[in-house]
Amino acid sequence: MTVSVFIFSLLGAMAIGMPIAYALLVCGLALMAFMAATGALAAFDSQILAQRFVDGADNFPLLAVPFFLLAGEFMNAGGLSRRIVNLAMAWVGHFRGGMGYVAVLAAVIMASLSGSAVADTAALSALLLPMMRQAGYQVNRSAGLIASGGIIAPVIPPSIGMIIFGVAGNVSITKLFLAGIVPGILMGVAIGVTWWFVARKENVRAAPRVSMAERLRITGQGSLALTLPVVILGGMKFGIFTPTEAAVVAAVYSFVVGMFIYRELKARDLYKLILSAGKTTAVVMFLVAAAMVSAWLITVANIPAEVATMLEPLMGNKMLLMFVMMVIVVIVGTALDFTPTVLILTPVLMPLVLKAGIDPVYFGVMFIMNNAIGLITPPVGTVLNVVCGVARISLDDAFKGVMPFFLAQLGVLFLLVLFPDIVLVPLKWLMQ
């Protein structure tokens, strides 16, 4: 019965158009009222809800979120993103369908800088879609490719999604970051291979081949941008700084490079950029705080045990349990945005993961990858909506363009379900 109260109160609040964060609070109120009425709690106490709400946002690792968002703003405004695209164009732009490979390569590199799918997709769409349209590429297919590349950002470190999951699930963020490297690269390889198949039908002009001297010059210009992920990952691996401190390093580094070296980041733009990062941070933090209220009540109501009872026949088979959980997340991801899905399902699924003996870091990477794929599925599909806005095409056209890449990403996801060592073996090596 408690599970029914949880589901119907949450879905009911969302059905009447209530924002997700407020729907989570309503869900918490409904759970507490139900438990007080049935005697599971001594009494309904609104002060406990307020306290849990404040405690939800009062978490040191969450400080990484605003700094990584600010770093992304500085990168886009300071010219780091553009130089990454130029670098990719110099090395792979002359191949048949070359601009598609540029989009994939740039997406992987930018994913290692910002950790935000929406920010990366917006930057790549603004830079590449006009060029691809002018070169004769099909717009919906180009938009689908760029959207599919954008969702690599939550998987490759530094990932804002992994920070949120790590806090909600009490999992090491450093291990999540390191475990996400190989899956993120595999996602890039998958959409690159898929583009090779679909690009054979494109009748477009290839970009002129760039001389080796020019390639080296452009690579030198982009070297400062390429250095940042090495600094972040190296610093965390060798214990020089924590993920939260890495976010500060990323923000300061991108600010210094954009302002004083590339000189494209202007002092007059700082207020606008900081305000933009602050608004996004406020949305994320309010969601986290509201979700922590529901998460506490989910634990008190023993909902994970009820769900575990439903899935009891699968508990002895880790692979089958993972498969079922991934299917559930795929379905939920079509209706909910990335962050709410992570915050709602983490307290429900993590006890099952631990009880079944599944590595929580492995599950976290798979869970985040699955939620990232949900960003390109309608009707919510935030990243898909971003490319629709830039390309000025309908959501239906964009989804037709993204479909082959969506299937490729799902293929990678279920490959990792079948072979967990693809994630776990590199993690063990990187943790040495």
Protein backbone atom coordinates (compact mmCIF):
# COMPACT_ATOMS: atom_id res chain seq x y z
CA MET A 1 0.00 0.00 0.00
CA THR A 2 2.86 2.38 0.81
CA VAL A 3 4.29 1.89 -2.68
CA SER A 4 0.89 2.81 -4.15
CA VAL A 5 0.74 6.00 -2.06
CA PHE A 6 4.25 6.92 -3.22
CA ILE A 7 3.53 6.32 -6.92
CA PHE A 8 0.06 7.85 -7.10
CA SER A 9 0.90 10.95 -5.06
CA LEU A 10 3.97 11.64 -7.20
CA LEU A 11 2.29 10.95 -10.54
CA GLY A 12 -0.89 12.75 -9.48
CA ALA A 13 0.99 15.92 -8.59
CA MET A 14 2.87 15.78 -11.90
CA ALA A 15 -0.35 15.10 -13.83
CA ILE A 16 -1.88 18.41 -12.72
CA GLY A 17 1.19 20.25 -13.99
CA MET A 18 3.08 20.69 -10.73
CA PRO A 19 6.87 21.14 -11.15
CA ILE A 20 8.89 18.04 -10.27
CA ALA A 21 10.46 19.55 -7.15
CA TYR A 22 7.06 20.48 -5.68
CA ALA A 23 5.65 17.10 -6.72
CA LEU A 24 8.41 15.45 -4.69
CA LEU A 25 7.45 17.53 -1.66
CA VAL A 26 3.79 16.60 -2.11
CA CYS A 27 4.85 12.96 -2.32
CA GLY A 28 6.74 13.36 0.96
CA LEU A 29 3.74 14.98 2.63
CA ALA A 30 1.46 12.18 1.41
CA LEU A 31 3.83 9.48 2.67
CA MET A 32 4.18 11.10 6.07
CA ALA A 33 0.41 11.60 6.40
CA PHE A 34 -0.24 7.98 5.42
CA MET A 35 2.35 6.61 7.87
CA ALA A 36 1.01 8.81 10.67
CA ALA A 37 -2.53 7.58 9.95
CA THR A 38 -1.46 3.92 9.98
CA GLY A 39 0.74 4.23 13.06
CA ALA A 40 4.08 3.76 11.25
CA LEU A 41 5.03 7.22 12.53
CA ALA A 42 4.11 8.69 15.89
CA ALA A 43 2.61 11.82 14.35
CA PHE A 44 2.69 14.10 11.31
CA ASP A 45 5.48 16.64 11.91
CA SER A 46 6.08 19.36 9.32
CA GLN A 47 9.25 20.45 11.13
CA ILE A 48 10.90 17.15 10.23
CA LEU A 49 10.09 17.77 6.55
CA ALA A 50 11.60 21.25 6.73
CA GLN A 51 14.71 19.92 8.47
CA ARG A 52 15.19 17.14 5.91
CA PHE A 53 14.71 19.66 3.09
CA VAL A 54 17.49 21.89 4.42
CA ASP A 55 19.77 18.92 5.17
CA GLY A 56 19.26 17.67 1.60
CA ALA A 57 21.01 20.72 0.15
CA ASP A 58 23.53 21.05 3.00
CA ASN A 59 26.06 18.63 1.51
CA PHE A 60 29.68 19.51 0.75
CA PRO A 61 30.08 17.37 -2.43
CA LEU A 62 27.14 19.22 -4.01
CA LEU A 63 29.32 22.35 -4.12
CA ALA A 64 30.86 20.76 -7.21
CA VAL A 65 27.64 21.36 -9.14
CA PRO A 66 27.73 25.19 -9.34
CA PHE A 67 31.47 25.23 -10.06
CA PHE A 68 31.26 22.71 -12.91
CA LEU A 69 28.29 24.63 -14.34
CA LEU A 70 30.27 27.86 -14.07
CA ALA A 71 33.25 26.18 -15.74
CA GLY A 72 30.99 25.20 -18.65
CA GLU A 73 29.78 28.79 -19.02
CA PHE A 74 33.37 30.09 -19.03
CA MET A 75 34.43 27.45 -21.60
CA ASN A 76 31.69 28.37 -24.06
CA ALA A 77 32.15 32.12 -23.67
CA GLY A 78 35.95 31.97 -23.45
CA GLY A 79 36.54 30.15 -26.74
CA LEU A 80 37.57 26.74 -25.37
CA SER A 81 34.58 24.99 -26.96
CA ARG A 82 35.16 26.61 -30.35
CA ARG A 83 38.82 25.60 -30.37
CA ILE A 84 37.88 21.99 -29.63
CA VAL A 85 35.56 22.00 -32.66
CA ASN A 86 38.32 23.55 -34.79
CA LEU A 87 40.75 20.87 -33.61
CA ALA A 88 38.34 18.07 -34.50
CA MET A 89 37.65 19.68 -37.90
CA ALA A 90 41.37 19.84 -38.67
CA TRP A 91 41.92 16.13 -38.01
CA VAL A 92 38.75 14.40 -39.26
CA GLY A 93 36.77 17.03 -41.19
CA HIS A 94 38.07 15.95 -44.62
CA PHE A 95 36.62 12.41 -44.45
CA ARG A 96 33.35 11.54 -46.14
CA GLY A 97 30.69 12.69 -43.69
CA GLY A 98 33.55 14.45 -41.92
CA MET A 99 31.48 17.00 -40.02
CA GLY A 100 29.64 14.16 -38.32
CA TYR A 101 32.94 12.75 -37.06
CA VAL A 102 33.85 16.27 -35.95
CA ALA A 103 30.64 16.37 -33.91
CA VAL A 104 31.42 13.01 -32.27
CA LEU A 105 35.05 13.82 -31.49
CA ALA A 106 34.18 17.29 -30.20
CA ALA A 107 31.35 15.86 -28.07
CA VAL A 108 33.71 13.38 -26.37
CA ILE A 109 36.32 16.05 -25.69
CA MET A 110 33.79 18.60 -24.43
CA ALA A 111 32.17 15.94 -22.24
CA SER A 112 35.48 15.68 -20.40
CA LEU A 113 35.38 19.41 -19.69
CA SER A 114 31.91 20.42 -18.52
CA GLY A 115 29.81 17.42 -17.42
CA SER A 116 26.58 19.05 -18.61
CA ALA A 117 24.68 17.45 -21.52
CA VAL A 118 22.54 20.53 -22.15
CA ALA A 119 25.50 22.94 -22.16
CA ASP A 120 27.57 20.75 -24.48
CA THR A 121 24.66 20.15 -26.86
CA ALA A 122 23.81 23.85 -27.01
CA ALA A 123 27.42 24.77 -27.79
CA LEU A 124 27.89 22.05 -30.44
CA SER A 125 24.52 22.78 -32.05
CA ALA A 126 25.26 26.49 -32.34
CA LEU A 127 28.72 25.85 -33.82
CA LEU A 128 28.11 22.85 -36.10
CA LEU A 129 24.48 22.77 -37.23
CA PRO A 130 24.73 25.88 -39.44
CA MET A 131 27.93 24.48 -41.02
CA MET A 132 26.34 21.07 -41.61
CA ARG A 133 23.20 22.62 -43.08
CA GLN A 134 25.31 24.73 -45.45
CA ALA A 135 27.38 21.70 -46.50
CA GLY A 136 24.21 19.82 -47.50
CA TYR A 137 23.77 17.39 -44.60
CA GLN A 138 20.21 16.36 -43.68
CA VAL A 139 19.29 18.65 -40.81
CA ASN A 140 17.31 16.15 -38.75
CA ARG A 141 20.06 13.54 -38.99
CA SER A 142 22.71 16.11 -38.07
CA ALA A 143 20.61 17.25 -35.11
CA GLY A 144 20.16 13.63 -34.01
CA LEU A 145 23.90 13.01 -34.14
CA ILE A 146 24.73 16.13 -32.13
CA ALA A 147 22.06 15.29 -29.54
CA SER A 148 23.45 11.75 -29.21
CA GLY A 149 26.94 13.15 -28.75
CA GLY A 150 25.69 15.59 -26.12
CA ILE A 151 24.46 12.83 -23.82
CA ILE A 152 28.00 11.50 -23.42
CA ALA A 153 28.64 14.41 -21.01
CA PRO A 154 26.88 12.86 -17.99
CA VAL A 155 28.94 9.66 -18.37
CA ILE A 156 32.50 10.87 -19.01
CA PRO A 157 33.96 12.71 -15.99
CA PRO A 158 33.51 15.31 -14.70
CA SER A 159 29.80 14.47 -14.58
CA ILE A 160 27.25 16.51 -12.68
CA GLY A 161 24.87 13.54 -12.79
CA MET A 162 27.43 11.29 -11.09
CA ILE A 163 27.92 13.88 -8.35
CA ILE A 164 24.18 13.88 -7.66
CA PHE A 165 23.99 10.08 -7.74
CA GLY A 166 27.05 9.77 -5.51
CA VAL A 167 25.46 12.03 -2.91
CA ALA A 168 22.03 10.37 -3.12
CA GLY A 169 23.42 6.81 -3.12
CA ASN A 170 26.42 7.33 -0.82
CA VAL A 171 28.83 6.11 -3.50
CA SER A 172 32.40 7.36 -4.07
CA ILE A 173 32.26 10.14 -6.66
CA THR A 174 35.94 9.68 -7.54
CA LYS A 175 35.32 5.99 -8.36
CA LEU A 176 32.23 6.91 -10.39
CA PHE A 177 34.27 9.41 -12.38
CA LEU A 178 37.02 6.92 -13.15
CA ALA A 179 34.55 4.13 -13.98
CA GLY A 180 32.73 6.35 -16.47
CA ILE A 181 35.70 6.88 -18.81
CA VAL A 182 35.50 3.63 -20.82
CA PRO A 183 31.67 3.55 -21.12
CA GLY A 184 31.67 7.17 -22.28
CA ILE A 185 34.28 6.46 -24.94
CA LEU A 186 32.28 3.40 -26.05
CA MET A 187 29.22 5.62 -26.47
CA GLY A 188 31.25 7.90 -28.74
CA VAL A 189 32.57 4.95 -30.74
CA ALA A 190 29.04 3.55 -31.12
CA ILE A 191 27.57 6.73 -32.59
CA GLY A 192 30.69 7.21 -34.75
CA VAL A 193 30.24 3.75 -36.26
CA THR A 194 26.52 4.38 -36.72
CA TRP A 195 27.30 7.66 -38.47
CA TRP A 196 29.64 5.80 -40.82
CA PHE A 197 26.68 3.66 -41.91
CA VAL A 198 24.15 6.47 -42.29
CA ALA A 199 26.58 9.00 -43.78
CA ARG A 200 27.07 6.82 -46.87
CA LYS A 201 23.68 8.07 -48.03
CA GLU A 202 24.66 11.72 -47.61
CA ASN A 203 25.62 13.61 -50.78
CA VAL A 204 27.71 16.41 -49.31
CA ARG A 205 30.92 18.29 -49.86
CA ALA A 206 33.84 17.16 -47.74
CA ALA A 207 35.91 19.85 -46.05
CA PRO A 208 39.34 20.46 -47.59
CA ARG A 209 42.21 18.47 -46.12
CA VAL A 210 44.32 20.51 -43.73
CA SER A 211 48.10 20.34 -43.92
CA MET A 212 49.99 18.71 -41.08
CA ALA A 213 51.57 22.01 -40.12
CA GLU A 214 48.14 23.64 -39.85
CA ARG A 215 46.81 20.68 -37.86
CA LEU A 216 49.64 21.01 -35.37
CA ARG A 217 49.05 24.76 -35.11
CA ILE A 218 45.33 24.28 -34.40
CA THR A 219 46.11 21.48 -31.94
CA GLY A 220 48.50 23.81 -30.15
CA GLN A 221 45.75 26.42 -29.89
CA GLY A 222 43.41 23.86 -28.36
CA SER A 223 46.01 22.27 -26.09
CA LEU A 224 44.99 24.36 -23.10
CA ALA A 225 41.44 23.04 -23.39
CA LEU A 226 42.71 19.47 -23.73
CA THR A 227 44.85 19.86 -20.61
CA LEU A 228 41.88 20.43 -18.31
CA PRO A 229 40.50 16.83 -18.17
CA VAL A 230 44.03 15.53 -17.57
CA VAL A 231 44.40 17.93 -14.64
CA ILE A 232 41.01 17.00 -13.18
CA LEU A 233 41.34 13.22 -13.48
CA GLY A 234 45.02 13.17 -12.56
CA GLY A 235 44.40 15.31 -9.51
CA MET A 236 41.63 13.04 -8.26
CA LYS A 237 43.47 9.78 -9.02
CA PHE A 238 46.59 10.87 -7.11
CA GLY A 239 44.63 12.39 -4.24
CA ILE A 240 45.68 15.97 -4.91
CA PHE A 241 42.09 17.21 -4.67
CA THR A 242 38.56 15.92 -4.19
CA PRO A 243 35.82 16.07 -6.88
CA THR A 244 34.47 19.24 -5.23
CA GLU A 245 37.90 20.87 -5.31
CA ALA A 246 38.30 19.65 -8.90
CA ALA A 247 35.21 21.64 -9.83
CA VAL A 248 36.79 24.79 -8.41
CA VAL A 249 39.99 24.05 -10.32
CA ALA A 250 37.98 23.64 -13.54
CA ALA A 251 36.14 26.94 -13.02
CA VAL A 252 39.31 28.89 -12.21
CA TYR A 253 41.27 27.25 -15.05
CA SER A 254 38.60 27.97 -17.68
CA PHE A 255 38.25 31.53 -16.38
CA VAL A 256 41.99 32.23 -16.56
CA VAL A 257 42.39 30.66 -20.01
CA GLY A 258 39.33 32.40 -21.47
CA MET A 259 40.04 35.80 -19.89
CA PHE A 260 43.82 36.16 -20.03
CA ILE A 261 45.13 33.74 -22.66
CA TYR A 262 42.44 33.44 -25.35
CA ARG A 263 41.02 36.86 -24.31
CA GLU A 264 37.54 36.02 -25.55
CA LEU A 265 35.94 36.07 -22.11
CA LYS A 266 35.08 39.69 -21.36
CA ALA A 267 34.63 41.26 -17.93
CA ARG A 268 31.24 42.65 -19.00
CA ASP A 269 30.00 39.07 -19.61
CA LEU A 270 30.89 37.73 -16.15
CA TYR A 271 27.69 38.81 -14.42
CA LYS A 272 25.53 37.18 -17.11
CA LEU A 273 27.53 33.94 -17.02
CA ILE A 274 27.55 33.73 -13.22
CA LEU A 275 23.81 34.47 -13.13
CA SER A 276 23.12 31.72 -15.69
CA ALA A 277 25.14 29.17 -13.69
CA GLY A 278 23.44 30.35 -10.50
CA LYS A 279 19.94 29.88 -11.93
CA THR A 280 20.72 26.37 -13.11
CA THR A 281 22.32 25.55 -9.75
CA ALA A 282 19.21 26.80 -7.92
CA VAL A 283 17.00 24.45 -9.95
CA VAL A 284 19.28 21.47 -9.33
CA MET A 285 19.71 22.15 -5.61
CA PHE A 286 15.98 22.66 -5.04
CA LEU A 287 15.35 19.32 -6.76
CA VAL A 288 17.99 17.61 -4.64
CA ALA A 289 16.63 19.09 -1.41
CA ALA A 290 13.04 18.08 -2.25
CA ALA A 291 14.15 14.60 -3.30
CA MET A 292 16.00 14.07 -0.04
CA VAL A 293 12.71 14.58 1.84
CA SER A 294 11.08 11.83 -0.23
CA ALA A 295 14.22 9.66 0.01
CA TRP A 296 14.14 9.78 3.83
CA LEU A 297 10.45 8.88 3.91
CA ILE A 298 11.00 6.11 1.34
CA THR A 299 13.55 4.62 3.73
CA VAL A 300 11.33 5.04 6.80
CA ALA A 301 8.36 3.52 4.95
CA ASN A 302 10.55 0.55 3.97
CA ILE A 303 9.56 0.90 0.31
CA PRO A 304 12.85 -0.65 -0.94
CA ALA A 305 11.98 -3.82 1.02
CA GLU A 306 8.55 -3.93 -0.64
CA VAL A 307 10.13 -3.51 -4.07
CA ALA A 308 12.72 -6.17 -3.18
CA THR A 309 9.89 -8.55 -2.34
CA MET A 310 8.40 -7.96 -5.80
CA LEU A 311 11.76 -8.66 -7.43
CA GLU A 312 12.72 -11.52 -5.10
CA PRO A 313 12.73 -14.14 -7.91
CA LEU A 314 15.48 -12.14 -9.66
CA MET A 315 17.73 -11.52 -6.66
CA GLY A 316 19.83 -14.61 -7.32
CA ASN A 317 20.69 -13.58 -10.88
CA LYS A 318 22.63 -10.30 -10.98
CA MET A 319 22.57 -9.98 -14.76
CA LEU A 320 18.83 -10.54 -15.05
CA LEU A 321 18.16 -8.13 -12.18
CA MET A 322 20.34 -5.48 -13.84
CA PHE A 323 18.52 -6.03 -17.13
CA VAL A 324 15.11 -5.56 -15.51
CA MET A 325 16.24 -2.44 -13.62
CA MET A 326 17.70 -0.95 -16.79
CA VAL A 327 14.43 -1.56 -18.66
CA ILE A 328 12.52 0.15 -15.84
CA VAL A 329 14.86 3.15 -15.97
CA VAL A 330 14.56 3.39 -19.79
CA ILE A 331 10.77 3.53 -19.45
CA VAL A 332 10.83 6.07 -16.61
CA GLY A 333 13.40 8.15 -18.50
CA THR A 334 10.94 8.81 -21.32
CA ALA A 335 8.58 10.56 -18.90
CA LEU A 336 10.98 12.24 -16.43
CA ASP A 337 14.01 14.46 -16.87
CA PHE A 338 17.52 13.33 -15.90
CA THR A 339 17.90 14.77 -12.40
CA PRO A 340 14.43 13.85 -11.05
CA THR A 341 14.84 10.27 -12.30
CA VAL A 342 18.18 9.95 -10.52
CA LEU A 343 16.85 11.43 -7.30
CA ILE A 344 13.59 9.44 -7.26
CA LEU A 345 14.93 6.00 -8.23
CA THR A 346 18.28 6.00 -6.41
CA PRO A 347 16.87 5.48 -2.87
CA VAL A 348 14.51 2.80 -4.24
CA LEU A 349 17.02 0.80 -6.28
CA MET A 350 20.26 1.13 -4.29
CA PRO A 351 19.14 -1.21 -1.45
CA LEU A 352 18.28 -3.85 -4.07
CA VAL A 353 21.68 -3.39 -5.70
CA LEU A 354 23.50 -3.85 -2.40
CA LYS A 355 21.35 -6.82 -1.36
CA ALA A 356 21.99 -8.58 -4.69
CA GLY A 357 25.76 -8.01 -4.37
CA ILE A 358 26.04 -5.77 -7.45
CA ASP A 359 28.96 -3.34 -7.35
CA PRO A 360 27.39 0.07 -6.54
CA VAL A 361 29.92 1.95 -8.68
CA TYR A 362 29.13 -0.28 -11.68
CA PHE A 363 25.41 0.21 -11.09
CA GLY A 364 25.91 3.96 -10.78
CA VAL A 365 27.65 4.21 -14.14
CA MET A 366 24.95 2.10 -15.81
CA PHE A 367 22.19 4.07 -14.11
CA ILE A 368 23.64 7.43 -15.17
CA MET A 369 24.20 6.19 -18.74
CA ASN A 370 20.61 5.00 -18.90
CA ASN A 371 19.29 8.33 -17.63
CA ALA A 372 21.50 10.15 -20.13
CA ILE A 373 19.92 8.17 -22.96
CA GLY A 374 16.56 9.34 -21.65
CA LEU A 375 17.61 12.90 -22.55
CA ILE A 376 17.05 12.09 -26.26
CA THR A 377 13.70 10.33 -25.88
CA PRO A 378 10.45 12.26 -26.34
CA PRO A 379 8.30 13.72 -24.94
CA VAL A 380 10.57 15.18 -22.22
CA GLY A 381 14.00 14.66 -23.89
CA THR A 382 15.72 17.88 -22.79
CA VAL A 383 18.71 17.51 -25.09
CA LEU A 384 16.46 16.63 -28.03
CA ASN A 385 14.46 19.80 -27.39
CA VAL A 386 17.67 21.85 -27.32
CA VAL A 387 18.70 20.72 -30.83
CA CYS A 388 15.13 21.22 -32.05
CA GLY A 389 15.32 24.84 -30.95
CA VAL A 390 18.68 25.50 -32.60
CA ALA A 391 17.89 23.57 -35.82
CA ARG A 392 14.30 24.89 -35.97
CA ILE A 393 12.81 21.46 -36.63
CA SER A 394 9.94 19.58 -34.98
CA LEU A 395 10.44 17.05 -32.21
CA ASP A 396 9.17 14.29 -34.51
CA ASP A 397 11.78 15.13 -37.17
CA ALA A 398 14.51 15.28 -34.56
CA PHE A 399 13.55 11.88 -33.12
CA LYS A 400 13.62 10.33 -36.60
CA GLY A 401 17.14 11.68 -36.96
CA VAL A 402 18.26 10.50 -33.53
CA MET A 403 16.72 6.99 -33.76
CA PRO A 404 19.74 5.09 -35.19
CA PHE A 405 22.06 6.71 -32.65
CA PHE A 406 19.58 6.07 -29.83
CA LEU A 407 19.56 2.36 -30.73
CA ALA A 408 23.38 2.35 -30.82
CA GLN A 409 23.54 3.87 -27.33
CA LEU A 410 21.05 1.31 -26.03
CA GLY A 411 23.25 -1.38 -27.59
CA VAL A 412 26.24 -0.14 -25.58
CA LEU A 413 24.13 -0.05 -22.42
CA PHE A 414 23.01 -3.67 -22.71
CA LEU A 415 26.50 -4.78 -23.81
CA LEU A 416 27.73 -3.50 -20.45
CA VAL A 417 24.90 -5.35 -18.69
CA LEU A 418 26.15 -8.58 -20.30
CA PHE A 419 29.84 -7.83 -19.65
CA PRO A 420 30.28 -5.83 -16.41
CA ASP A 421 34.06 -6.28 -16.54
CA ILE A 422 34.20 -3.70 -19.36
CA VAL A 423 33.48 -1.19 -16.59
CA LEU A 424 35.04 -2.87 -13.58
CA VAL A 425 38.43 -3.99 -14.95
CA PRO A 426 39.51 -0.50 -16.15
CA LEU A 427 38.28 0.91 -12.83
CA LYS A 428 40.52 -1.48 -10.89
CA TRP A 429 43.47 -0.52 -13.08
CA LEU A 430 42.82 3.23 -12.68
CA MET A 431 42.45 2.90 -8.92
CA GLN A 432 45.90 1.32 -8.53
